[in-house]
Amino acid sequence: MHKIISMGRHLTTFTVGVHNHDYWEIVYCTSGNGTFKSDNGYSMDYQTGEVVLIPPKIAHSNESTHGFTNIHLTMDNIALSNINFIKILDNPSQILYHTFSQAYYIYNCDINNKFNLLSILGDLIGNCLIAFFGVKQFSPIIEKIRMEIIKNFTDCNFDLNKILIDKTNKPEYLKKLFKKETEMTPLQFLTETRISFAKKLLKARVTLNKNIAEISHECGFEDPLYFSRLFKQHVGCSPLIYSESNEI
């Protein structure tokens, strides 16, 4: 369990003097940028949308030339290295920002089940930090394309080329950049996402009471025959055989 001990926020601030905590301090930068410095000479720069984790007992300061705002909290237990600062980037949907904001609101309000809600949000924050730690980061434009694909892959009419053209007037450049960063083309990523989802539905096909054509359509494939050929090409067997062999 990840228990929230305290919460606070800084409006536009330039310096926070040297201090330390008995617990982990977790700081979400909501605007601006700055640098955390520890008393042992270690420093870490940060900017908007990044979360800095400071382990217990480490004396540190927070300095900024142009100012920063943040939401910060202390938490009793996180299963990460407690030697130096850790920096984690929020995901594109800003799940950490929204969770920090809700936790801050609940922390400062008198509402029913306040501590139960904080317990749930504390676990969500802690588990997200662990999950996001070490995750490969992509450039903003490639991350946006990935998120567009993930949000729309179930749509049979999803036009991948239109997304690439909308993002820039150089779709071929984007395709090359996408492959450089993700090691696959945008079309390969779209196909892999659809096939991965198809596997989940096929495993539960009997429970869901769906046939192969229906699953094909729900995964973004308008033509069931094309879906079957593509699935066999990627998985090594037909959708029906995969479903029968992996039924939940």
C-alpha atoms as a PDB file:
ATOM      1  CA  MET A   1       0.000   0.000   0.000  1.00  0.00           C
ATOM      2  CA  HIS A   2       1.203   3.509  -0.863  1.00  0.00           C
ATOM      3  CA  LYS A   3      -0.011   5.812   1.900  1.00  0.00           C
ATOM      4  CA  ILE A   4      -0.159   9.571   1.339  1.00  0.00           C
ATOM      5  CA  ILE A   5       1.237  11.275   4.447  1.00  0.00           C
ATOM      6  CA  SER A   6       0.907  14.933   3.451  1.00  0.00           C
ATOM      7  CA  MET A   7       0.116  17.101   0.436  1.00  0.00           C
ATOM      8  CA  GLY A   8       0.777  20.680  -0.608  1.00  0.00           C
ATOM      9  CA  ARG A   9       1.353  22.883  -3.602  1.00  0.00           C
ATOM     10  CA  HIS A  10       3.587  25.761  -4.642  1.00  0.00           C
ATOM     11  CA  LEU A  11       2.236  28.687  -6.583  1.00  0.00           C
ATOM     12  CA  THR A  12       4.878  30.533  -8.612  1.00  0.00           C
ATOM     13  CA  THR A  13       8.052  29.896  -6.627  1.00  0.00           C
ATOM     14  CA  PHE A  14      11.758  30.435  -7.292  1.00  0.00           C
ATOM     15  CA  THR A  15      13.496  28.813  -4.335  1.00  0.00           C
ATOM     16  CA  VAL A  16      12.718  26.186  -1.720  1.00  0.00           C
ATOM     17  CA  GLY A  17      15.464  25.988   0.886  1.00  0.00           C
ATOM     18  CA  VAL A  18      17.313  22.886   2.019  1.00  0.00           C
ATOM     19  CA  HIS A  19      15.070  20.414   3.848  1.00  0.00           C
ATOM     20  CA  ASN A  20      14.424  16.672   4.141  1.00  0.00           C
ATOM     21  CA  HIS A  21      11.596  14.299   4.976  1.00  0.00           C
ATOM     22  CA  ASP A  22      11.183  11.022   6.801  1.00  0.00           C
ATOM     23  CA  TYR A  23       9.210   9.777   3.798  1.00  0.00           C
ATOM     24  CA  TRP A  24       9.453   9.905   0.015  1.00  0.00           C
ATOM     25  CA  GLU A  25       8.713  13.348  -1.386  1.00  0.00           C
ATOM     26  CA  ILE A  26       7.040  13.311  -4.791  1.00  0.00           C
ATOM     27  CA  VAL A  27       6.837  16.565  -6.743  1.00  0.00           C
ATOM     28  CA  TYR A  28       4.734  17.025  -9.894  1.00  0.00           C
ATOM     29  CA  CYS A  29       5.823  20.135 -11.850  1.00  0.00           C
ATOM     30  CA  THR A  30       2.621  21.738 -13.154  1.00  0.00           C
ATOM     31  CA  SER A  31       4.403  24.643 -14.886  1.00  0.00           C
ATOM     32  CA  GLY A  32       7.867  26.105 -15.342  1.00  0.00           C
ATOM     33  CA  ASN A  33      11.111  24.306 -14.625  1.00  0.00           C
ATOM     34  CA  GLY A  34      13.901  24.123 -12.083  1.00  0.00           C
ATOM     35  CA  THR A  35      16.631  22.035 -10.482  1.00  0.00           C
ATOM     36  CA  PHE A  36      16.653  19.851  -7.397  1.00  0.00           C
ATOM     37  CA  LYS A  37      20.005  19.783  -5.588  1.00  0.00           C
ATOM     38  CA  SER A  38      21.023  17.433  -2.784  1.00  0.00           C
ATOM     39  CA  ASP A  39      23.554  18.089  -0.048  1.00  0.00           C
ATOM     40  CA  ASN A  40      25.865  15.459  -1.557  1.00  0.00           C
ATOM     41  CA  GLY A  41      26.246  17.431  -4.785  1.00  0.00           C
ATOM     42  CA  TYR A  42      23.733  15.503  -6.890  1.00  0.00           C
ATOM     43  CA  SER A  43      21.320  17.585  -9.016  1.00  0.00           C
ATOM     44  CA  MET A  44      18.410  16.942 -11.361  1.00  0.00           C
ATOM     45  CA  ASP A  45      16.732  19.327 -13.813  1.00  0.00           C
ATOM     46  CA  TYR A  46      12.988  19.036 -14.380  1.00  0.00           C
ATOM     47  CA  GLN A  47      10.219  20.724 -16.359  1.00  0.00           C
ATOM     48  CA  THR A  48       6.445  20.808 -16.759  1.00  0.00           C
ATOM     49  CA  GLY A  49       4.831  17.367 -16.779  1.00  0.00           C
ATOM     50  CA  GLU A  50       7.703  15.659 -15.003  1.00  0.00           C
ATOM     51  CA  VAL A  51       7.616  14.087 -11.557  1.00  0.00           C
ATOM     52  CA  VAL A  52      10.657  14.055  -9.294  1.00  0.00           C
ATOM     53  CA  LEU A  53      10.906  11.515  -6.480  1.00  0.00           C
ATOM     54  CA  ILE A  54      13.214  12.347  -3.555  1.00  0.00           C
ATOM     55  CA  PRO A  55      14.039   9.409  -1.255  1.00  0.00           C
ATOM     56  CA  PRO A  56      13.655   9.733   2.536  1.00  0.00           C
ATOM     57  CA  LYS A  57      16.340  11.491   4.600  1.00  0.00           C
ATOM     58  CA  ILE A  58      18.030  13.197   1.611  1.00  0.00           C
ATOM     59  CA  ALA A  59      18.510  16.918   2.262  1.00  0.00           C
ATOM     60  CA  HIS A  60      17.658  18.877  -0.876  1.00  0.00           C
ATOM     61  CA  SER A  61      16.659  22.257  -2.286  1.00  0.00           C
ATOM     62  CA  ASN A  62      14.585  23.319  -5.296  1.00  0.00           C
ATOM     63  CA  GLU A  63      15.765  26.285  -7.378  1.00  0.00           C
ATOM     64  CA  SER A  64      14.446  27.959 -10.520  1.00  0.00           C
ATOM     65  CA  THR A  65      15.474  30.962 -12.600  1.00  0.00           C
ATOM     66  CA  HIS A  66      12.053  31.604 -14.128  1.00  0.00           C
ATOM     67  CA  GLY A  67       9.842  30.033 -11.465  1.00  0.00           C
ATOM     68  CA  PHE A  68       7.771  26.877 -11.116  1.00  0.00           C
ATOM     69  CA  THR A  69       4.449  25.653  -9.751  1.00  0.00           C
ATOM     70  CA  ASN A  70       3.847  22.153  -8.452  1.00  0.00           C
ATOM     71  CA  ILE A  71       1.777  19.737  -6.436  1.00  0.00           C
ATOM     72  CA  HIS A  72       3.842  17.779  -3.921  1.00  0.00           C
ATOM     73  CA  LEU A  73       3.184  14.994  -1.475  1.00  0.00           C
ATOM     74  CA  THR A  74       4.982  12.658   0.879  1.00  0.00           C
ATOM     75  CA  MET A  75       4.411   8.923   0.716  1.00  0.00           C
ATOM     76  CA  ASP A  76       5.553   6.195   3.046  1.00  0.00           C
ATOM     77  CA  ASN A  77       6.637   3.425   0.711  1.00  0.00           C
ATOM     78  CA  ILE A  78       7.669   3.111  -2.948  1.00  0.00           C
ATOM     79  CA  ALA A  79       9.465   0.086  -4.361  1.00  0.00           C
ATOM     80  CA  LEU A  80      12.171   2.054  -6.188  1.00  0.00           C
ATOM     81  CA  SER A  81      15.850   2.752  -5.523  1.00  0.00           C
ATOM     82  CA  ASN A  82      16.280   5.215  -2.648  1.00  0.00           C
ATOM     83  CA  ILE A  83      19.847   6.322  -3.440  1.00  0.00           C
ATOM     84  CA  ASN A  84      19.264   9.423  -5.577  1.00  0.00           C
ATOM     85  CA  PHE A  85      16.517  11.508  -7.170  1.00  0.00           C
ATOM     86  CA  ILE A  86      14.305   9.769  -9.728  1.00  0.00           C
ATOM     87  CA  LYS A  87      12.560  11.582 -12.576  1.00  0.00           C
ATOM     88  CA  ILE A  88       9.466  10.184 -14.290  1.00  0.00           C
ATOM     89  CA  LEU A  89       7.487  11.665 -17.179  1.00  0.00           C
ATOM     90  CA  ASP A  90       3.702  11.643 -16.979  1.00  0.00           C
ATOM     91  CA  ASN A  91       1.952   9.708 -19.740  1.00  0.00           C
ATOM     92  CA  PRO A  92       0.145  11.518 -22.616  1.00  0.00           C
ATOM     93  CA  SER A  93      -3.261  11.240 -20.922  1.00  0.00           C
ATOM     94  CA  GLN A  94      -1.740  12.940 -17.826  1.00  0.00           C
ATOM     95  CA  ILE A  95      -3.011  10.269 -15.457  1.00  0.00           C
ATOM     96  CA  LEU A  96      -0.531  11.375 -12.782  1.00  0.00           C
ATOM     97  CA  TYR A  97      -1.507  15.044 -13.068  1.00  0.00           C
ATOM     98  CA  HIS A  98      -5.215  14.271 -12.753  1.00  0.00           C
ATOM     99  CA  THR A  99      -4.637  11.875  -9.865  1.00  0.00           C
ATOM    100  CA  PHE A 100      -2.386  14.345  -8.023  1.00  0.00           C
ATOM    101  CA  SER A 101      -5.032  17.068  -8.513  1.00  0.00           C
ATOM    102  CA  GLN A 102      -7.872  14.883  -7.226  1.00  0.00           C
ATOM    103  CA  ALA A 103      -5.799  13.712  -4.259  1.00  0.00           C
ATOM    104  CA  TYR A 104      -4.899  17.318  -3.374  1.00  0.00           C
ATOM    105  CA  TYR A 105      -8.561  18.323  -3.517  1.00  0.00           C
ATOM    106  CA  ILE A 106      -9.695  15.416  -1.341  1.00  0.00           C
ATOM    107  CA  TYR A 107      -6.796  15.918   1.095  1.00  0.00           C
ATOM    108  CA  ASN A 108      -7.988  19.468   1.746  1.00  0.00           C
ATOM    109  CA  CYS A 109     -11.744  18.786   1.885  1.00  0.00           C
ATOM    110  CA  ASP A 110     -14.022  17.349   4.516  1.00  0.00           C
ATOM    111  CA  ILE A 111     -15.926  14.672   2.635  1.00  0.00           C
ATOM    112  CA  ASN A 112     -17.253  11.228   3.449  1.00  0.00           C
ATOM    113  CA  ASN A 113     -14.766   8.367   3.108  1.00  0.00           C
ATOM    114  CA  LYS A 114     -11.938  10.886   2.741  1.00  0.00           C
ATOM    115  CA  PHE A 115      -9.213   8.542   3.980  1.00  0.00           C
ATOM    116  CA  ASN A 116     -10.479   5.597   1.934  1.00  0.00           C
ATOM    117  CA  LEU A 117     -10.386   7.733  -1.199  1.00  0.00           C
ATOM    118  CA  LEU A 118      -6.880   8.988  -0.404  1.00  0.00           C
ATOM    119  CA  SER A 119      -5.777   5.404   0.122  1.00  0.00           C
ATOM    120  CA  ILE A 120      -7.067   4.432  -3.311  1.00  0.00           C
ATOM    121  CA  LEU A 121      -5.475   7.460  -4.998  1.00  0.00           C
ATOM    122  CA  GLY A 122      -2.209   6.887  -3.129  1.00  0.00           C
ATOM    123  CA  ASP A 123      -2.051   3.334  -4.450  1.00  0.00           C
ATOM    124  CA  LEU A 124      -2.834   4.570  -7.958  1.00  0.00           C
ATOM    125  CA  ILE A 125      -0.060   7.172  -7.806  1.00  0.00           C
ATOM    126  CA  GLY A 126       2.469   4.752  -6.354  1.00  0.00           C
ATOM    127  CA  ASN A 127       1.702   2.005  -8.848  1.00  0.00           C
ATOM    128  CA  CYS A 128       1.771   4.431 -11.792  1.00  0.00           C
ATOM    129  CA  LEU A 129       5.169   5.756 -10.719  1.00  0.00           C
ATOM    130  CA  ILE A 130       6.539   2.216 -10.572  1.00  0.00           C
ATOM    131  CA  ALA A 131       4.948   1.328 -13.923  1.00  0.00           C
ATOM    132  CA  PHE A 132       6.220   4.478 -15.667  1.00  0.00           C
ATOM    133  CA  PHE A 133       9.740   4.188 -14.252  1.00  0.00           C
ATOM    134  CA  GLY A 134      12.204   3.225 -16.973  1.00  0.00           C
ATOM    135  CA  VAL A 135       9.550   3.295 -19.718  1.00  0.00           C
ATOM    136  CA  LYS A 136      11.063   4.372 -23.019  1.00  0.00           C
ATOM    137  CA  GLN A 137      10.151   7.943 -23.863  1.00  0.00           C
ATOM    138  CA  PHE A 138       9.316   9.061 -27.388  1.00  0.00           C
ATOM    139  CA  SER A 139       9.479  12.500 -28.966  1.00  0.00           C
ATOM    140  CA  PRO A 140       6.210  14.475 -28.534  1.00  0.00           C
ATOM    141  CA  ILE A 141       5.124  14.111 -32.166  1.00  0.00           C
ATOM    142  CA  ILE A 142       5.690  10.335 -32.215  1.00  0.00           C
ATOM    143  CA  GLU A 143       3.943   9.912 -28.858  1.00  0.00           C
ATOM    144  CA  LYS A 144       0.936  11.815 -30.249  1.00  0.00           C
ATOM    145  CA  ILE A 145       0.791   9.509 -33.261  1.00  0.00           C
ATOM    146  CA  ARG A 146       1.028   6.435 -31.023  1.00  0.00           C
ATOM    147  CA  MET A 147      -1.834   7.735 -28.896  1.00  0.00           C
ATOM    148  CA  GLU A 148      -3.954   8.492 -31.996  1.00  0.00           C
ATOM    149  CA  ILE A 149      -3.451   4.910 -33.147  1.00  0.00           C
ATOM    150  CA  ILE A 150      -4.246   3.460 -29.725  1.00  0.00           C
ATOM    151  CA  LYS A 151      -7.417   5.576 -29.431  1.00  0.00           C
ATOM    152  CA  ASN A 152      -8.699   4.783 -32.928  1.00  0.00           C
ATOM    153  CA  PHE A 153      -7.440   1.316 -33.890  1.00  0.00           C
ATOM    154  CA  THR A 154     -10.889  -0.284 -33.427  1.00  0.00           C
ATOM    155  CA  ASP A 155     -12.377   2.022 -36.086  1.00  0.00           C
ATOM    156  CA  CYS A 156     -12.510   0.251 -39.459  1.00  0.00           C
ATOM    157  CA  ASN A 157     -12.485   3.654 -41.162  1.00  0.00           C
ATOM    158  CA  PHE A 158      -9.422   4.921 -39.301  1.00  0.00           C
ATOM    159  CA  ASP A 159      -7.161   6.618 -41.856  1.00  0.00           C
ATOM    160  CA  LEU A 160      -3.561   6.363 -40.690  1.00  0.00           C
ATOM    161  CA  ASN A 161      -2.231   8.442 -43.576  1.00  0.00           C
ATOM    162  CA  LYS A 162      -4.593  11.291 -42.705  1.00  0.00           C
ATOM    163  CA  ILE A 163      -3.189  11.330 -39.162  1.00  0.00           C
ATOM    164  CA  LEU A 164       0.359  11.545 -40.507  1.00  0.00           C
ATOM    165  CA  ILE A 165      -0.559  14.348 -42.915  1.00  0.00           C
ATOM    166  CA  ASP A 166      -2.454  16.250 -40.210  1.00  0.00           C
ATOM    167  CA  LYS A 167       0.583  16.201 -37.917  1.00  0.00           C
ATOM    168  CA  THR A 168       2.958  17.600 -40.514  1.00  0.00           C
ATOM    169  CA  ASN A 169       3.344  18.216 -44.238  1.00  0.00           C
ATOM    170  CA  LYS A 170       6.094  15.585 -44.269  1.00  0.00           C
ATOM    171  CA  PRO A 171       4.416  12.200 -43.690  1.00  0.00           C
ATOM    172  CA  GLU A 172       7.373  10.241 -45.104  1.00  0.00           C
ATOM    173  CA  TYR A 173       9.675  11.929 -42.619  1.00  0.00           C
ATOM    174  CA  LEU A 174       7.271  11.006 -39.809  1.00  0.00           C
ATOM    175  CA  LYS A 175       7.219   7.381 -40.938  1.00  0.00           C
ATOM    176  CA  LYS A 176      11.021   7.249 -40.817  1.00  0.00           C
ATOM    177  CA  LEU A 177      11.125   8.978 -37.423  1.00  0.00           C
ATOM    178  CA  PHE A 178       8.429   6.667 -36.068  1.00  0.00           C
ATOM    179  CA  LYS A 179      10.401   3.601 -37.148  1.00  0.00           C
ATOM    180  CA  LYS A 180      13.626   5.029 -35.743  1.00  0.00           C
ATOM    181  CA  GLU A 181      12.062   5.563 -32.312  1.00  0.00           C
ATOM    182  CA  THR A 182       9.754   2.535 -32.088  1.00  0.00           C
ATOM    183  CA  GLU A 183      11.553   0.065 -34.381  1.00  0.00           C
ATOM    184  CA  MET A 184       8.392  -0.389 -36.466  1.00  0.00           C
ATOM    185  CA  THR A 185       6.434   1.634 -39.015  1.00  0.00           C
ATOM    186  CA  PRO A 186       3.140   3.341 -38.063  1.00  0.00           C
ATOM    187  CA  LEU A 187       1.267   0.685 -40.073  1.00  0.00           C
ATOM    188  CA  GLN A 188       3.106  -2.116 -38.277  1.00  0.00           C
ATOM    189  CA  PHE A 189       2.266  -0.533 -34.925  1.00  0.00           C
ATOM    190  CA  LEU A 190      -1.404  -0.234 -35.931  1.00  0.00           C
ATOM    191  CA  THR A 191      -1.459  -3.877 -37.058  1.00  0.00           C
ATOM    192  CA  GLU A 192       0.310  -5.121 -33.916  1.00  0.00           C
ATOM    193  CA  THR A 193      -2.150  -3.177 -31.745  1.00  0.00           C
ATOM    194  CA  ARG A 194      -5.126  -4.687 -33.577  1.00  0.00           C
ATOM    195  CA  ILE A 195      -3.749  -8.235 -33.485  1.00  0.00           C
ATOM    196  CA  SER A 196      -2.950  -7.926 -29.769  1.00  0.00           C
ATOM    197  CA  PHE A 197      -6.525  -6.829 -29.060  1.00  0.00           C
ATOM    198  CA  ALA A 198      -7.861  -9.630 -31.261  1.00  0.00           C
ATOM    199  CA  LYS A 199      -5.993 -12.192 -29.158  1.00  0.00           C
ATOM    200  CA  LYS A 200      -7.752 -10.932 -26.027  1.00  0.00           C
ATOM    201  CA  LEU A 201     -11.186 -11.117 -27.649  1.00  0.00           C
ATOM    202  CA  LEU A 202     -10.532 -14.541 -29.181  1.00  0.00           C
ATOM    203  CA  LYS A 203      -9.556 -15.984 -25.808  1.00  0.00           C
ATOM    204  CA  ALA A 204     -12.933 -14.879 -24.451  1.00  0.00           C
ATOM    205  CA  ARG A 205     -14.904 -15.560 -27.654  1.00  0.00           C
ATOM    206  CA  VAL A 206     -17.225 -18.177 -26.126  1.00  0.00           C
ATOM    207  CA  THR A 207     -17.915 -16.058 -23.066  1.00  0.00           C
ATOM    208  CA  LEU A 208     -18.514 -12.995 -25.238  1.00  0.00           C
ATOM    209  CA  ASN A 209     -20.668 -15.071 -27.596  1.00  0.00           C
ATOM    210  CA  LYS A 210     -19.053 -13.557 -30.681  1.00  0.00           C
ATOM    211  CA  ASN A 211     -18.073 -15.073 -33.999  1.00  0.00           C
ATOM    212  CA  ILE A 212     -14.825 -14.434 -35.866  1.00  0.00           C
ATOM    213  CA  ALA A 213     -16.409 -11.846 -38.175  1.00  0.00           C
ATOM    214  CA  GLU A 214     -17.693  -9.825 -35.218  1.00  0.00           C
ATOM    215  CA  ILE A 215     -14.307  -9.920 -33.509  1.00  0.00           C
ATOM    216  CA  SER A 216     -12.639  -8.908 -36.758  1.00  0.00           C
ATOM    217  CA  HIS A 217     -14.847  -5.827 -36.988  1.00  0.00           C
ATOM    218  CA  GLU A 218     -14.296  -4.889 -33.330  1.00  0.00           C
ATOM    219  CA  CYS A 219     -10.539  -4.955 -33.913  1.00  0.00           C
ATOM    220  CA  GLY A 220     -10.744  -2.536 -36.836  1.00  0.00           C
ATOM    221  CA  PHE A 221     -10.800  -5.026 -39.727  1.00  0.00           C
ATOM    222  CA  GLU A 222     -13.689  -4.590 -42.139  1.00  0.00           C
ATOM    223  CA  ASP A 223     -12.920  -7.780 -44.101  1.00  0.00           C
ATOM    224  CA  PRO A 224     -12.957 -10.974 -41.939  1.00  0.00           C
ATOM    225  CA  LEU A 225     -11.014 -12.919 -44.577  1.00  0.00           C
ATOM    226  CA  TYR A 226      -8.236 -10.341 -44.618  1.00  0.00           C
ATOM    227  CA  PHE A 227      -8.230 -10.384 -40.806  1.00  0.00           C
ATOM    228  CA  SER A 228      -7.869 -14.172 -40.773  1.00  0.00           C
ATOM    229  CA  ARG A 229      -4.982 -14.126 -43.253  1.00  0.00           C
ATOM    230  CA  LEU A 230      -3.195 -11.355 -41.372  1.00  0.00           C
ATOM    231  CA  PHE A 231      -3.764 -13.017 -37.997  1.00  0.00           C
ATOM    232  CA  LYS A 232      -2.336 -16.322 -39.247  1.00  0.00           C
ATOM    233  CA  GLN A 233       0.638 -14.476 -40.717  1.00  0.00           C
ATOM    234  CA  HIS A 234       1.431 -12.855 -37.346  1.00  0.00           C
ATOM    235  CA  VAL A 235       0.399 -15.591 -34.908  1.00  0.00           C
ATOM    236  CA  GLY A 236       0.956 -18.766 -36.878  1.00  0.00           C
ATOM    237  CA  CYS A 237      -2.579 -20.145 -36.760  1.00  0.00           C
ATOM    238  CA  SER A 238      -6.098 -19.113 -37.714  1.00  0.00           C
ATOM    239  CA  PRO A 239      -8.236 -17.009 -35.348  1.00  0.00           C
ATOM    240  CA  LEU A 240     -10.562 -19.965 -34.769  1.00  0.00           C
ATOM    241  CA  ILE A 241      -7.759 -22.362 -33.829  1.00  0.00           C
ATOM    242  CA  TYR A 242      -6.193 -19.706 -31.581  1.00  0.00           C
ATOM    243  CA  SER A 243      -9.546 -19.180 -29.874  1.00  0.00           C
ATOM    244  CA  GLU A 244     -10.130 -22.901 -29.313  1.00  0.00           C
ATOM    245  CA  SER A 245      -6.588 -23.445 -28.032  1.00  0.00           C
ATOM    246  CA  ASN A 246      -6.545 -20.459 -25.669  1.00  0.00           C
ATOM    247  CA  GLU A 247     -10.107 -20.295 -24.422  1.00  0.00           C
ATOM    248  CA  ILE A 248     -10.455 -18.716 -21.003  1.00  0.00           C
END
